[in-house]
Amino acid sequence: MRTKALLVTAASALAAASAMAQVVSVNVVGFINLTVPPNGYALVANQLNTSDTKLATVIPTYSDGGQFITWDNVKASYTIYNYVVNPPPDYTGWTDASFAPANPDWVPGMGAFLFNPDTANPATVTLVGDVPQGTLSVTLPAGYTLVSSIPPLAEDAVTAGIPTADGEQLIKWDPTKQAYVIFNYVVNPPPDFTGWTDASFNPSTPAYAVGEGFFIFNSGAQMTWTRTFNVAP
């Protein structure tokens, strides 16, 4: 998945804002381009505030046969929404798995899969809205949760301050290989290694792009990923 964000401020605003004694928040409009491969899935994120953060507002139109897929942490299962295009007076828009009209939430901090049904061409979806600011929190309950950074920043897990516990996993999606990529967090007494590793337990810190979602597997009690992001005028 390729992503591109155009913001009125640089990505380094996060570090600069944290050092300021007083920060004045202003509305900053941005856009994020999400690219979904042909006949494939991309794990994406909405990192902009819109009028109601409903799917039909964030992505009002899409390809016939496309899908938006969320994860239910409680049921530990996926929820599938379809985009259908039918001539009037039939319905055109998002539906649930039974093809009844549906309009789920897609708030910043929530990851989701997009499926592109076109077998020849990638799909590009442009998200437009206000950049989230202030104290921003993502809940990480026990088990698997499909999340994203709320601020539209490209970072690694350490820089982003994702809370950690022994046995935790951060699971990305490779849109080229159409496969999951697993990172583990391990805690070992010195002199052994403590930190993020790849699937073979070699030291490796996961990173994500703007507009990218990922799974967190929380092996313990609920945690909260909280950070402060403000854009100075």
Protein backbone atom coordinates (compact mmCIF):
# COMPACT_ATOMS: atom_id res chain seq x y z
CA MET A 1 0.00 0.00 0.00
CA ARG A 2 1.30 3.42 -0.92
CA THR A 3 0.08 6.40 1.06
CA LYS A 4 0.57 10.12 0.69
CA ALA A 5 -0.54 12.88 3.04
CA LEU A 6 -0.53 16.60 2.36
CA LEU A 7 -0.74 18.58 5.58
CA VAL A 8 -0.36 22.26 6.31
CA THR A 9 2.42 21.39 8.74
CA ALA A 10 5.42 19.07 8.66
CA ALA A 11 5.35 15.67 10.34
CA SER A 12 7.92 16.93 12.82
CA ALA A 13 5.21 19.06 14.43
CA LEU A 14 4.64 16.27 16.97
CA ALA A 15 8.10 16.67 18.47
CA ALA A 16 7.98 20.45 18.28
CA ALA A 17 4.57 20.66 19.94
CA SER A 18 5.65 18.53 22.89
CA ALA A 19 8.40 21.02 23.72
CA MET A 20 6.13 24.09 23.75
CA ALA A 21 4.88 25.54 27.03
CA GLN A 22 1.63 26.63 25.41
CA VAL A 23 0.09 25.25 22.23
CA VAL A 24 -2.81 26.82 20.38
CA SER A 25 -4.83 24.34 18.33
CA VAL A 26 -6.01 25.30 14.88
CA ASN A 27 -7.97 23.40 12.26
CA VAL A 28 -5.64 21.83 9.74
CA VAL A 29 -7.18 20.30 6.63
CA GLY A 30 -5.32 17.45 4.97
CA PHE A 31 -5.77 14.58 2.57
CA ILE A 32 -4.53 11.02 2.50
CA ASN A 33 -4.33 8.88 -0.63
CA LEU A 34 -4.81 5.14 -0.03
CA THR A 35 -3.79 2.69 -2.75
CA VAL A 36 -5.32 -0.80 -2.87
CA PRO A 37 -3.68 -3.35 -5.22
CA PRO A 38 -5.63 -5.02 -8.05
CA ASN A 39 -7.81 -7.90 -6.85
CA GLY A 40 -6.24 -7.47 -3.43
CA TYR A 41 -6.48 -6.11 0.08
CA ALA A 42 -4.80 -3.19 1.83
CA LEU A 43 -4.83 -2.59 5.60
CA VAL A 44 -5.64 1.09 5.89
CA ALA A 45 -6.57 3.82 8.36
CA ASN A 46 -8.71 6.93 8.46
CA GLN A 47 -6.57 9.55 10.23
CA LEU A 48 -8.73 12.61 9.53
CA ASN A 49 -11.88 13.94 11.19
CA THR A 50 -14.94 14.41 8.99
CA SER A 51 -18.45 15.59 9.81
CA ASP A 52 -19.57 12.28 11.33
CA THR A 53 -16.74 9.73 10.69
CA LYS A 54 -19.23 7.32 9.10
CA LEU A 55 -17.98 5.12 6.26
CA ALA A 56 -20.33 6.70 3.71
CA THR A 57 -18.92 10.11 4.63
CA VAL A 58 -15.26 9.05 4.64
CA ILE A 59 -15.58 6.94 1.44
CA PRO A 60 -18.80 8.03 -0.30
CA THR A 61 -18.11 6.11 -3.53
CA TYR A 62 -16.11 2.99 -4.32
CA SER A 63 -15.87 0.22 -6.91
CA ASP A 64 -18.81 -2.13 -7.40
CA GLY A 65 -17.97 -5.31 -5.50
CA GLY A 66 -15.45 -3.59 -3.25
CA GLN A 67 -15.33 -4.42 0.45
CA PHE A 68 -14.59 -2.66 3.74
CA ILE A 69 -13.66 -5.14 6.50
CA THR A 70 -13.40 -4.41 10.21
CA TRP A 71 -12.40 -6.54 13.19
CA ASP A 72 -14.64 -7.27 16.18
CA ASN A 73 -12.37 -7.66 19.22
CA VAL A 74 -15.15 -9.12 21.39
CA LYS A 75 -16.30 -11.72 18.86
CA ALA A 76 -12.76 -12.20 17.48
CA SER A 77 -14.09 -12.13 13.93
CA TYR A 78 -14.21 -9.93 10.84
CA THR A 79 -17.24 -7.87 9.81
CA ILE A 80 -17.65 -7.40 6.04
CA TYR A 81 -19.30 -4.47 4.28
CA ASN A 82 -19.87 -4.42 0.52
CA TYR A 83 -20.11 -1.56 -1.94
CA VAL A 84 -22.81 -2.13 -4.57
CA VAL A 85 -23.70 -0.09 -7.64
CA ASN A 86 -27.23 -0.48 -8.97
CA PRO A 87 -29.13 1.80 -11.36
CA PRO A 88 -31.91 3.88 -9.76
CA PRO A 89 -34.26 3.19 -8.10
CA ASP A 90 -32.16 0.36 -6.65
CA TYR A 91 -29.65 1.08 -3.92
CA THR A 92 -26.08 2.22 -4.54
CA GLY A 93 -23.77 2.43 -1.54
CA TRP A 94 -22.39 0.44 1.39
CA THR A 95 -24.20 -2.65 2.67
CA ASP A 96 -23.70 -5.29 5.32
CA ALA A 97 -22.84 -8.90 4.50
CA SER A 98 -26.53 -9.54 3.69
CA PHE A 99 -26.55 -6.57 1.27
CA ALA A 100 -28.81 -4.45 3.47
CA PRO A 101 -27.78 -0.74 3.56
CA ALA A 102 -25.19 -0.14 6.27
CA ASN A 103 -23.04 2.77 7.38
CA PRO A 104 -20.53 1.77 10.08
CA ASP A 105 -18.22 4.10 11.98
CA TRP A 106 -14.64 4.54 10.79
CA VAL A 107 -13.02 6.78 13.36
CA PRO A 108 -9.35 7.81 13.53
CA GLY A 109 -7.41 5.13 15.40
CA MET A 110 -9.40 2.30 13.79
CA GLY A 111 -7.76 0.14 11.13
CA ALA A 112 -9.68 -1.67 8.40
CA PHE A 113 -9.14 -3.68 5.23
CA LEU A 114 -10.19 -2.39 1.82
CA PHE A 115 -10.65 -4.90 -1.00
CA ASN A 116 -10.26 -3.79 -4.62
CA PRO A 117 -12.28 -6.00 -7.01
CA ASP A 118 -10.61 -4.64 -10.16
CA THR A 119 -8.31 -7.39 -11.43
CA ALA A 120 -6.20 -5.05 -13.59
CA ASN A 121 -5.86 -1.68 -11.87
CA PRO A 122 -5.07 -0.44 -8.35
CA ALA A 123 -7.74 1.59 -6.60
CA THR A 124 -6.94 5.00 -5.12
CA VAL A 125 -9.13 6.36 -2.34
CA THR A 126 -8.65 9.95 -1.18
CA LEU A 127 -9.60 10.82 2.39
CA VAL A 128 -10.17 14.50 3.21
CA GLY A 129 -10.73 16.06 6.63
CA ASP A 130 -9.30 17.85 9.64
CA VAL A 131 -6.10 16.57 11.27
CA PRO A 132 -6.87 15.27 14.79
CA GLN A 133 -5.22 17.30 17.57
CA GLY A 134 -4.98 17.33 21.35
CA THR A 135 -4.74 14.32 23.65
CA LEU A 136 -5.44 11.28 21.48
CA SER A 137 -6.04 7.77 22.82
CA VAL A 138 -6.44 4.31 21.31
CA THR A 139 -7.68 1.47 23.54
CA LEU A 140 -5.77 -1.82 23.29
CA PRO A 141 -7.91 -4.49 25.01
CA ALA A 142 -6.74 -8.02 25.63
CA GLY A 143 -6.53 -10.04 22.44
CA TYR A 144 -6.39 -8.79 18.85
CA THR A 145 -7.41 -5.24 17.92
CA LEU A 146 -7.23 -3.61 14.49
CA VAL A 147 -5.91 -0.08 15.08
CA SER A 148 -3.85 2.77 13.69
CA SER A 149 -2.07 5.88 14.83
CA ILE A 150 -4.54 8.74 15.18
CA PRO A 151 -2.13 11.47 14.02
CA PRO A 152 -1.26 11.03 10.30
CA LEU A 153 2.43 10.39 10.88
CA ALA A 154 4.86 7.79 9.51
CA GLU A 155 6.65 6.38 12.57
CA ASP A 156 8.03 3.28 14.21
CA ALA A 157 6.44 1.63 17.24
CA VAL A 158 9.02 2.99 19.70
CA THR A 159 8.83 6.59 18.49
CA ALA A 160 5.04 6.41 18.51
CA GLY A 161 5.03 5.25 22.13
CA ILE A 162 2.90 2.14 21.58
CA PRO A 163 2.60 0.53 25.04
CA THR A 164 4.24 -2.86 25.29
CA ALA A 165 4.09 -6.10 27.26
CA ASP A 166 5.97 -9.38 27.04
CA GLY A 167 4.37 -11.53 24.35
CA GLU A 168 2.72 -8.61 22.55
CA GLN A 169 2.56 -8.67 18.76
CA LEU A 170 2.24 -5.97 16.11
CA ILE A 171 0.96 -7.48 12.87
CA LYS A 172 1.22 -5.62 9.58
CA TRP A 173 -0.18 -6.52 6.16
CA ASP A 174 2.04 -6.79 3.10
CA PRO A 175 -0.13 -5.64 0.15
CA THR A 176 2.35 -6.98 -2.40
CA LYS A 177 2.57 -10.49 -0.98
CA GLN A 178 -0.99 -10.34 0.41
CA ALA A 179 0.27 -11.77 3.68
CA TYR A 180 0.67 -10.82 7.33
CA VAL A 181 4.04 -9.74 8.75
CA ILE A 182 4.45 -10.43 12.48
CA PHE A 183 6.58 -8.53 15.00
CA ASN A 184 6.97 -9.70 18.62
CA TYR A 185 7.75 -7.79 21.80
CA VAL A 186 9.95 -9.79 24.17
CA VAL A 187 11.13 -9.04 27.69
CA ASN A 188 14.29 -10.82 28.83
CA PRO A 189 16.56 -10.06 31.81
CA PRO A 190 19.93 -8.47 30.91
CA PRO A 191 22.10 -9.26 29.04
CA ASP A 192 19.41 -10.79 26.82
CA PHE A 193 17.43 -8.61 24.45
CA THR A 194 14.25 -6.72 25.42
CA GLY A 195 12.34 -5.02 22.62
CA TRP A 196 10.68 -5.61 19.26
CA THR A 197 11.71 -8.54 17.06
CA ASP A 198 10.69 -10.02 13.72
CA ALA A 199 8.87 -13.34 13.46
CA SER A 200 12.20 -15.18 13.95
CA PHE A 201 12.91 -13.15 17.12
CA ASN A 202 15.70 -11.12 15.57
CA PRO A 203 15.71 -7.48 16.80
CA SER A 204 13.49 -5.45 14.46
CA THR A 205 11.27 -2.45 15.20
CA PRO A 206 8.02 -2.30 13.19
CA ALA A 207 7.13 0.93 11.41
CA TYR A 208 4.00 2.11 9.66
CA ALA A 209 3.14 4.65 6.97
CA VAL A 210 0.55 7.40 6.91
CA GLY A 211 -2.83 5.83 6.29
CA GLU A 212 -1.75 2.34 7.40
CA GLY A 213 -3.58 0.16 9.91
CA PHE A 214 -2.22 -2.84 11.83
CA PHE A 215 -3.19 -5.42 14.42
CA ILE A 216 -2.01 -5.32 18.02
CA PHE A 217 -2.19 -8.56 19.97
CA ASN A 218 -2.25 -7.66 23.66
CA SER A 219 -1.20 -10.64 25.75
CA GLY A 220 -2.22 -9.06 29.07
CA ALA A 221 -4.62 -6.55 30.59
CA GLN A 222 -6.11 -3.64 28.66
CA MET A 223 -3.69 -0.85 27.77
CA THR A 224 -4.22 2.66 26.40
CA TRP A 225 -2.02 4.21 23.72
CA THR A 226 -2.14 7.93 24.54
CA ARG A 227 -0.23 10.78 22.97
CA THR A 228 -0.50 14.53 22.45
CA PHE A 229 -0.41 16.09 19.02
CA ASN A 230 -0.94 19.76 18.26
CA VAL A 231 -0.18 21.95 15.29
CA ALA A 232 1.11 25.40 16.17
CA PRO A 233 -0.42 28.27 14.17
